[in-house]
Every structure is written in structure tokens, then in C-alpha cells.
Amino acid sequence: MKNKIKVFRAMHDLTQEDLAKAIGVTRQTILAIEKGKYVPSLDLAIKIARHFNVTIEEIFLYDAVTSTVAID
């Protein structure tokens, strides 16, 4: 899932460490989310959006092409 966390961090002059401390995760978690290697839980996505006072949709970009679900 693509996201704009790095952009929002830059707009607020925050490091990955600053954001991580503010929402209660590790810097590595923020790094993994920014690089698209980890999709945050809904709870974590809400915490990030609330920290920046924006909606989840303003930060996280859903890509239906790369997000597939296997139904058996």
C-alpha cells in the first residue's frame, strides 16, 4: 500500500523516530510502512492520521491492482 507518511513528516519537520515515539511504535515500523514493506493495522493507520490531523485516505493510497485477496 502506497502512502504519504514521509511527505507529512517533512511538512511537520518530524523524523521517523519522532513519529514513532508519538504513536507508540518503533522507528523500524515507520520505515517499513513508508517503504511499503508493512501494511499497518487499521488501529495504527488511525493513530498516524490523527497525529497529522488528516483522514486515513489522505495518507494511505489504496491500489486495487496490487492488493489481491484469494477466495477459495
C-alpha atoms as a PDB file:
ATOM      1  CA  MET A   1       0.000   0.000   0.000  1.00  0.00           C
ATOM      2  CA  LYS A   2       1.412   3.348  -1.011  1.00  0.00           C
ATOM      3  CA  ASN A   3       1.453   6.184   1.482  1.00  0.00           C
ATOM      4  CA  LYS A   4       2.482   9.777   2.038  1.00  0.00           C
ATOM      5  CA  ILE A   5       3.898   9.423   5.544  1.00  0.00           C
ATOM      6  CA  LYS A   6       7.294  10.753   4.505  1.00  0.00           C
ATOM      7  CA  VAL A   7       5.640  13.820   2.956  1.00  0.00           C
ATOM      8  CA  PHE A   8       3.595  14.503   6.094  1.00  0.00           C
ATOM      9  CA  ARG A   9       6.665  14.010   8.293  1.00  0.00           C
ATOM     10  CA  ALA A  10       8.565  16.553   6.195  1.00  0.00           C
ATOM     11  CA  MET A  11       5.686  19.026   6.368  1.00  0.00           C
ATOM     12  CA  HIS A  12       5.737  18.748  10.166  1.00  0.00           C
ATOM     13  CA  ASP A  13       9.542  18.575  10.448  1.00  0.00           C
ATOM     14  CA  LEU A  14       9.451  15.130  12.116  1.00  0.00           C
ATOM     15  CA  THR A  15      11.959  12.313  11.949  1.00  0.00           C
ATOM     16  CA  GLN A  16      10.880   8.690  11.758  1.00  0.00           C
ATOM     17  CA  GLU A  17      11.898   8.420  15.411  1.00  0.00           C
ATOM     18  CA  ASP A  18       9.750  11.425  16.388  1.00  0.00           C
ATOM     19  CA  LEU A  19       6.668   9.959  14.714  1.00  0.00           C
ATOM     20  CA  ALA A  20       7.338   6.508  16.112  1.00  0.00           C
ATOM     21  CA  LYS A  21       7.527   7.823  19.684  1.00  0.00           C
ATOM     22  CA  ALA A  22       4.397   9.915  19.212  1.00  0.00           C
ATOM     23  CA  ILE A  23       2.273   6.938  18.135  1.00  0.00           C
ATOM     24  CA  GLY A  24       3.937   4.216  20.207  1.00  0.00           C
ATOM     25  CA  VAL A  25       5.831   2.131  17.648  1.00  0.00           C
ATOM     26  CA  THR A  26       9.463   1.676  16.662  1.00  0.00           C
ATOM     27  CA  ARG A  27      11.343   3.672  14.052  1.00  0.00           C
ATOM     28  CA  GLN A  28      11.731   0.453  12.084  1.00  0.00           C
ATOM     29  CA  THR A  29       7.941   0.141  11.883  1.00  0.00           C
ATOM     30  CA  ILE A  30       7.655   3.637  10.406  1.00  0.00           C
ATOM     31  CA  LEU A  31      10.453   2.844   7.943  1.00  0.00           C
ATOM     32  CA  ALA A  32       8.762  -0.405   6.857  1.00  0.00           C
ATOM     33  CA  ILE A  33       5.405   1.345   6.361  1.00  0.00           C
ATOM     34  CA  GLU A  34       6.992   4.166   4.360  1.00  0.00           C
ATOM     35  CA  LYS A  35       8.774   1.688   2.088  1.00  0.00           C
ATOM     36  CA  GLY A  36       5.574  -0.327   1.577  1.00  0.00           C
ATOM     37  CA  LYS A  37       7.031  -3.437   3.204  1.00  0.00           C
ATOM     38  CA  TYR A  38       4.471  -3.418   6.010  1.00  0.00           C
ATOM     39  CA  VAL A  39       0.775  -2.597   5.835  1.00  0.00           C
ATOM     40  CA  PRO A  40      -0.304  -1.079   9.138  1.00  0.00           C
ATOM     41  CA  SER A  41      -3.337  -2.277  11.031  1.00  0.00           C
ATOM     42  CA  LEU A  42      -6.408  -0.076  10.921  1.00  0.00           C
ATOM     43  CA  ASP A  43      -5.678   0.982  14.509  1.00  0.00           C
ATOM     44  CA  LEU A  44      -2.157   2.092  13.590  1.00  0.00           C
ATOM     45  CA  ALA A  45      -3.337   3.845  10.421  1.00  0.00           C
ATOM     46  CA  ILE A  46      -5.855   5.788  12.509  1.00  0.00           C
ATOM     47  CA  LYS A  47      -3.141   6.788  15.003  1.00  0.00           C
ATOM     48  CA  ILE A  48      -0.946   8.072  12.178  1.00  0.00           C
ATOM     49  CA  ALA A  49      -3.804  10.008  10.561  1.00  0.00           C
ATOM     50  CA  ARG A  50      -4.884  11.511  13.871  1.00  0.00           C
ATOM     51  CA  HIS A  51      -1.325  12.561  14.639  1.00  0.00           C
ATOM     52  CA  PHE A  52      -1.293  14.636  11.457  1.00  0.00           C
ATOM     53  CA  ASN A  53      -4.954  15.664  11.885  1.00  0.00           C
ATOM     54  CA  VAL A  54      -5.968  14.271   8.479  1.00  0.00           C
ATOM     55  CA  THR A  55      -8.064  11.384   7.190  1.00  0.00           C
ATOM     56  CA  ILE A  56      -6.593   7.949   6.543  1.00  0.00           C
ATOM     57  CA  GLU A  57      -7.301   8.422   2.835  1.00  0.00           C
ATOM     58  CA  GLU A  58      -5.065  11.497   2.745  1.00  0.00           C
ATOM     59  CA  ILE A  59      -2.080   9.416   3.891  1.00  0.00           C
ATOM     60  CA  PHE A  60      -2.718   5.914   2.575  1.00  0.00           C
ATOM     61  CA  LEU A  61      -3.388   5.248  -1.104  1.00  0.00           C
ATOM     62  CA  TYR A  62      -5.228   2.016  -1.856  1.00  0.00           C
ATOM     63  CA  ASP A  63      -4.082   0.283  -5.012  1.00  0.00           C
ATOM     64  CA  ALA A  64      -6.615  -2.382  -6.035  1.00  0.00           C
ATOM     65  CA  VAL A  65      -4.260  -3.766  -8.687  1.00  0.00           C
ATOM     66  CA  THR A  66      -1.577  -4.803  -6.161  1.00  0.00           C
ATOM     67  CA  SER A  67      -3.962  -5.682  -3.325  1.00  0.00           C
ATOM     68  CA  THR A  68      -5.461  -9.061  -4.057  1.00  0.00           C
ATOM     69  CA  VAL A  69      -7.361 -11.452  -1.860  1.00  0.00           C
ATOM     70  CA  ALA A  70      -7.527 -15.166  -2.545  1.00  0.00           C
ATOM     71  CA  ILE A  71     -11.052 -16.592  -2.167  1.00  0.00           C
ATOM     72  CA  ASP A  72     -11.369 -20.352  -2.046  1.00  0.00           C
END
